[in-house]
Amino acid sequence: MKAEQVQQEVKEKSSVAVEKRTRLRLDKLGTRHETYDQIINRLIDFYEEHNKG
């Protein structure tokens, strides 16, 4: 399931605590207007596409 599909199906939000170092790493991976949710979902999509077993 693609990130866009998940976002359309689930509109609720929750908090996830990450260390400051992790947040800074996410900042480097994202674009200027990309949310953390979008960055994380893009990473999950990439992982799922490249780890089919």
PDB file of N, CA and C in Angstrom:
ATOM      1  N   MET A   1       0.846  -1.178   0.000  1.00  0.00           N
ATOM      2  CA  MET A   1       0.000   0.000   0.000  1.00  0.00           C
ATOM      3  C   MET A   1       0.896   1.246   0.000  1.00  0.00           C
ATOM      4  N   LYS A   2       0.638   2.154  -0.870  1.00  0.00           N
ATOM      5  CA  LYS A   2       1.435   3.368  -0.991  1.00  0.00           C
ATOM      6  C   LYS A   2       1.076   4.367   0.104  1.00  0.00           C
ATOM      7  N   ALA A   3       2.001   5.257   0.421  1.00  0.00           N
ATOM      8  CA  ALA A   3       1.805   6.248   1.472  1.00  0.00           C
ATOM      9  C   ALA A   3       0.574   7.105   1.217  1.00  0.00           C
ATOM     10  N   GLU A   4       0.334   7.456  -0.044  1.00  0.00           N
ATOM     11  CA  GLU A   4      -0.818   8.297  -0.371  1.00  0.00           C
ATOM     12  C   GLU A   4      -2.123   7.596  -0.016  1.00  0.00           C
ATOM     13  N   GLN A   5      -2.177   6.289  -0.249  1.00  0.00           N
ATOM     14  CA  GLN A   5      -3.371   5.523   0.068  1.00  0.00           C
ATOM     15  C   GLN A   5      -3.593   5.474   1.573  1.00  0.00           C
ATOM     16  N   VAL A   6      -2.522   5.275   2.313  1.00  0.00           N
ATOM     17  CA  VAL A   6      -2.617   5.206   3.768  1.00  0.00           C
ATOM     18  C   VAL A   6      -3.092   6.546   4.310  1.00  0.00           C
ATOM     19  N   GLN A   7      -2.548   7.635   3.814  1.00  0.00           N
ATOM     20  CA  GLN A   7      -2.926   8.955   4.295  1.00  0.00           C
ATOM     21  C   GLN A   7      -4.387   9.250   4.005  1.00  0.00           C
ATOM     22  N   GLN A   8      -4.915   8.770   2.903  1.00  0.00           N
ATOM     23  CA  GLN A   8      -6.311   9.003   2.572  1.00  0.00           C
ATOM     24  C   GLN A   8      -7.228   8.187   3.471  1.00  0.00           C
ATOM     25  N   GLU A   9      -6.800   6.998   3.867  1.00  0.00           N
ATOM     26  CA  GLU A   9      -7.626   6.121   4.677  1.00  0.00           C
ATOM     27  C   GLU A   9      -7.617   6.498   6.150  1.00  0.00           C
ATOM     28  N   VAL A  10      -6.505   6.990   6.644  1.00  0.00           N
ATOM     29  CA  VAL A  10      -6.357   7.297   8.058  1.00  0.00           C
ATOM     30  C   VAL A  10      -6.046   8.778   8.213  1.00  0.00           C
ATOM     31  N   LYS A  11      -6.982   9.508   8.811  1.00  0.00           N
ATOM     32  CA  LYS A  11      -6.794  10.943   8.980  1.00  0.00           C
ATOM     33  C   LYS A  11      -6.343  11.301  10.393  1.00  0.00           C
ATOM     34  N   GLU A  12      -6.339  10.329  11.297  1.00  0.00           N
ATOM     35  CA  GLU A  12      -5.931  10.584  12.670  1.00  0.00           C
ATOM     36  C   GLU A  12      -4.420  10.755  12.737  1.00  0.00           C
ATOM     37  N   LYS A  13      -3.975  11.493  13.735  1.00  0.00           N
ATOM     38  CA  LYS A  13      -2.544  11.707  13.924  1.00  0.00           C
ATOM     39  C   LYS A  13      -2.142  11.230  15.309  1.00  0.00           C
ATOM     40  N   SER A  14      -0.878  10.886  15.446  1.00  0.00           N
ATOM     41  CA  SER A  14      -0.323  10.519  16.738  1.00  0.00           C
ATOM     42  C   SER A  14       1.086  11.086  16.832  1.00  0.00           C
ATOM     43  N   SER A  15       1.615  11.072  18.011  1.00  0.00           N
ATOM     44  CA  SER A  15       2.973  11.572  18.234  1.00  0.00           C
ATOM     45  C   SER A  15       3.932  10.402  18.345  1.00  0.00           C
ATOM     46  N   VAL A  16       5.117  10.597  17.803  1.00  0.00           N
ATOM     47  CA  VAL A  16       6.172   9.608  17.909  1.00  0.00           C
ATOM     48  C   VAL A  16       7.411  10.342  18.409  1.00  0.00           C
ATOM     49  N   ALA A  17       7.935   9.894  19.530  1.00  0.00           N
ATOM     50  CA  ALA A  17       9.121  10.541  20.093  1.00  0.00           C
ATOM     51  C   ALA A  17      10.374   9.986  19.417  1.00  0.00           C
ATOM     52  N   VAL A  18      11.210  10.886  18.937  1.00  0.00           N
ATOM     53  CA  VAL A  18      12.499  10.497  18.361  1.00  0.00           C
ATOM     54  C   VAL A  18      13.574  11.378  18.976  1.00  0.00           C
ATOM     55  N   GLU A  19      14.773  10.871  18.974  1.00  0.00           N
ATOM     56  CA  GLU A  19      15.883  11.663  19.487  1.00  0.00           C
ATOM     57  C   GLU A  19      16.163  12.828  18.545  1.00  0.00           C
ATOM     58  N   LYS A  20      16.771  13.870  19.080  1.00  0.00           N
ATOM     59  CA  LYS A  20      17.073  15.051  18.277  1.00  0.00           C
ATOM     60  C   LYS A  20      17.932  14.688  17.067  1.00  0.00           C
ATOM     61  N   ARG A  21      18.875  13.783  17.266  1.00  0.00           N
ATOM     62  CA  ARG A  21      19.747  13.354  16.168  1.00  0.00           C
ATOM     63  C   ARG A  21      18.924  12.735  15.040  1.00  0.00           C
ATOM     64  N   THR A  22      17.900  11.951  15.387  1.00  0.00           N
ATOM     65  CA  THR A  22      17.032  11.332  14.385  1.00  0.00           C
ATOM     66  C   THR A  22      16.245  12.389  13.635  1.00  0.00           C
ATOM     67  N   ARG A  23      15.716  13.367  14.350  1.00  0.00           N
ATOM     68  CA  ARG A  23      14.967  14.458  13.708  1.00  0.00           C
ATOM     69  C   ARG A  23      15.853  15.219  12.741  1.00  0.00           C
ATOM     70  N   LEU A  24      17.089  15.469  13.121  1.00  0.00           N
ATOM     71  CA  LEU A  24      18.023  16.174  12.241  1.00  0.00           C
ATOM     72  C   LEU A  24      18.326  15.354  10.991  1.00  0.00           C
ATOM     73  N   ARG A  25      18.424  14.040  11.151  1.00  0.00           N
ATOM     74  CA  ARG A  25      18.653  13.156   9.997  1.00  0.00           C
ATOM     75  C   ARG A  25      17.453  13.188   9.063  1.00  0.00           C
ATOM     76  N   LEU A  26      16.241  13.183   9.629  1.00  0.00           N
ATOM     77  CA  LEU A  26      15.033  13.282   8.803  1.00  0.00           C
ATOM     78  C   LEU A  26      15.002  14.611   8.064  1.00  0.00           C
ATOM     79  N   ASP A  27      15.406  15.685   8.742  1.00  0.00           N
ATOM     80  CA  ASP A  27      15.459  17.000   8.094  1.00  0.00           C
ATOM     81  C   ASP A  27      16.347  16.967   6.847  1.00  0.00           C
ATOM     82  N   LYS A  28      17.475  16.290   6.940  1.00  0.00           N
ATOM     83  CA  LYS A  28      18.401  16.215   5.808  1.00  0.00           C
ATOM     84  C   LYS A  28      17.842  15.400   4.652  1.00  0.00           C
ATOM     85  N   LEU A  29      16.979  14.436   4.959  1.00  0.00           N
ATOM     86  CA  LEU A  29      16.405  13.579   3.921  1.00  0.00           C
ATOM     87  C   LEU A  29      15.203  14.207   3.230  1.00  0.00           C
ATOM     88  N   GLY A  30      14.585  15.178   3.874  1.00  0.00           N
ATOM     89  CA  GLY A  30      13.375  15.784   3.329  1.00  0.00           C
ATOM     90  C   GLY A  30      13.660  17.025   2.505  1.00  0.00           C
ATOM     91  N   THR A  31      12.640  17.417   1.763  1.00  0.00           N
ATOM     92  CA  THR A  31      12.709  18.669   1.022  1.00  0.00           C
ATOM     93  C   THR A  31      12.163  19.787   1.899  1.00  0.00           C
ATOM     94  N   ARG A  32      12.302  20.992   1.466  1.00  0.00           N
ATOM     95  CA  ARG A  32      11.916  22.157   2.270  1.00  0.00           C
ATOM     96  C   ARG A  32      10.448  22.135   2.695  1.00  0.00           C
ATOM     97  N   HIS A  33       9.565  21.678   1.849  1.00  0.00           N
ATOM     98  CA  HIS A  33       8.130  21.724   2.151  1.00  0.00           C
ATOM     99  C   HIS A  33       7.541  20.360   2.500  1.00  0.00           C
ATOM    100  N   GLU A  34       8.403  19.387   2.749  1.00  0.00           N
ATOM    101  CA  GLU A  34       7.942  18.034   3.058  1.00  0.00           C
ATOM    102  C   GLU A  34       7.757  17.868   4.567  1.00  0.00           C
ATOM    103  N   THR A  35       6.645  17.260   4.961  1.00  0.00           N
ATOM    104  CA  THR A  35       6.398  17.017   6.379  1.00  0.00           C
ATOM    105  C   THR A  35       7.161  15.772   6.827  1.00  0.00           C
ATOM    106  N   TYR A  36       7.299  15.618   8.153  1.00  0.00           N
ATOM    107  CA  TYR A  36       7.942  14.412   8.666  1.00  0.00           C
ATOM    108  C   TYR A  36       7.146  13.182   8.255  1.00  0.00           C
ATOM    109  N   ASP A  37       5.840  13.284   8.249  1.00  0.00           N
ATOM    110  CA  ASP A  37       4.998  12.171   7.826  1.00  0.00           C
ATOM    111  C   ASP A  37       5.322  11.773   6.392  1.00  0.00           C
ATOM    112  N   GLN A  38       5.480  12.743   5.519  1.00  0.00           N
ATOM    113  CA  GLN A  38       5.801  12.451   4.122  1.00  0.00           C
ATOM    114  C   GLN A  38       7.184  11.824   3.988  1.00  0.00           C
ATOM    115  N   ILE A  39       8.146  12.327   4.740  1.00  0.00           N
ATOM    116  CA  ILE A  39       9.510  11.773   4.689  1.00  0.00           C
ATOM    117  C   ILE A  39       9.504  10.326   5.154  1.00  0.00           C
ATOM    118  N   ILE A  40       8.864  10.068   6.290  1.00  0.00           N
ATOM    119  CA  ILE A  40       8.833   8.718   6.845  1.00  0.00           C
ATOM    120  C   ILE A  40       8.119   7.761   5.897  1.00  0.00           C
ATOM    121  N   ASN A  41       7.001   8.181   5.331  1.00  0.00           N
ATOM    122  CA  ASN A  41       6.279   7.313   4.406  1.00  0.00           C
ATOM    123  C   ASN A  41       7.072   7.045   3.138  1.00  0.00           C
ATOM    124  N   ARG A  42       7.807   8.046   2.657  1.00  0.00           N
ATOM    125  CA  ARG A  42       8.657   7.841   1.475  1.00  0.00           C
ATOM    126  C   ARG A  42       9.748   6.808   1.785  1.00  0.00           C
ATOM    127  N   LEU A  43      10.329   6.892   2.981  1.00  0.00           N
ATOM    128  CA  LEU A  43      11.347   5.929   3.382  1.00  0.00           C
ATOM    129  C   LEU A  43      10.766   4.520   3.519  1.00  0.00           C
ATOM    130  N   ILE A  44       9.573   4.412   4.089  1.00  0.00           N
ATOM    131  CA  ILE A  44       8.917   3.110   4.225  1.00  0.00           C
ATOM    132  C   ILE A  44       8.611   2.529   2.843  1.00  0.00           C
ATOM    133  N   ASP A  45       8.078   3.354   1.936  1.00  0.00           N
ATOM    134  CA  ASP A  45       7.794   2.905   0.565  1.00  0.00           C
ATOM    135  C   ASP A  45       9.062   2.373  -0.096  1.00  0.00           C
ATOM    136  N   PHE A  46      10.152   3.108   0.042  1.00  0.00           N
ATOM    137  CA  PHE A  46      11.426   2.694  -0.545  1.00  0.00           C
ATOM    138  C   PHE A  46      11.868   1.353   0.037  1.00  0.00           C
ATOM    139  N   TYR A  47      11.781   1.236   1.353  1.00  0.00           N
ATOM    140  CA  TYR A  47      12.174  -0.008   2.006  1.00  0.00           C
ATOM    141  C   TYR A  47      11.336  -1.181   1.502  1.00  0.00           C
ATOM    142  N   GLU A  48      10.020  -0.994   1.452  1.00  0.00           N
ATOM    143  CA  GLU A  48       9.132  -2.071   1.013  1.00  0.00           C
ATOM    144  C   GLU A  48       9.402  -2.472  -0.441  1.00  0.00           C
ATOM    145  N   GLU A  49       9.676  -1.506  -1.292  1.00  0.00           N
ATOM    146  CA  GLU A  49       9.955  -1.801  -2.697  1.00  0.00           C
ATOM    147  C   GLU A  49      11.256  -2.555  -2.895  1.00  0.00           C
ATOM    148  N   HIS A  50      12.228  -2.326  -2.017  1.00  0.00           N
ATOM    149  CA  HIS A  50      13.547  -2.917  -2.200  1.00  0.00           C
ATOM    150  C   HIS A  50      13.800  -4.126  -1.307  1.00  0.00           C
ATOM    151  N   ASN A  51      12.826  -4.508  -0.522  1.00  0.00           N
ATOM    152  CA  ASN A  51      13.005  -5.658   0.378  1.00  0.00           C
ATOM    153  C   ASN A  51      11.888  -6.669   0.218  1.00  0.00           C
ATOM    154  N   LYS A  52      11.509  -6.904  -1.023  1.00  0.00           N
ATOM    155  CA  LYS A  52      10.503  -7.932  -1.294  1.00  0.00           C
ATOM    156  C   LYS A  52      11.180  -9.284  -1.181  1.00  0.00           C
ATOM    157  N   GLY A  53      10.592 -10.143  -0.384  1.00  0.00           N
ATOM    158  CA  GLY A  53      11.275 -11.393  -0.195  1.00  0.00           C
ATOM    159  C   GLY A  53      10.416 -12.522  -0.417  1.00  0.00           C
TER     160      GLY A  53
END
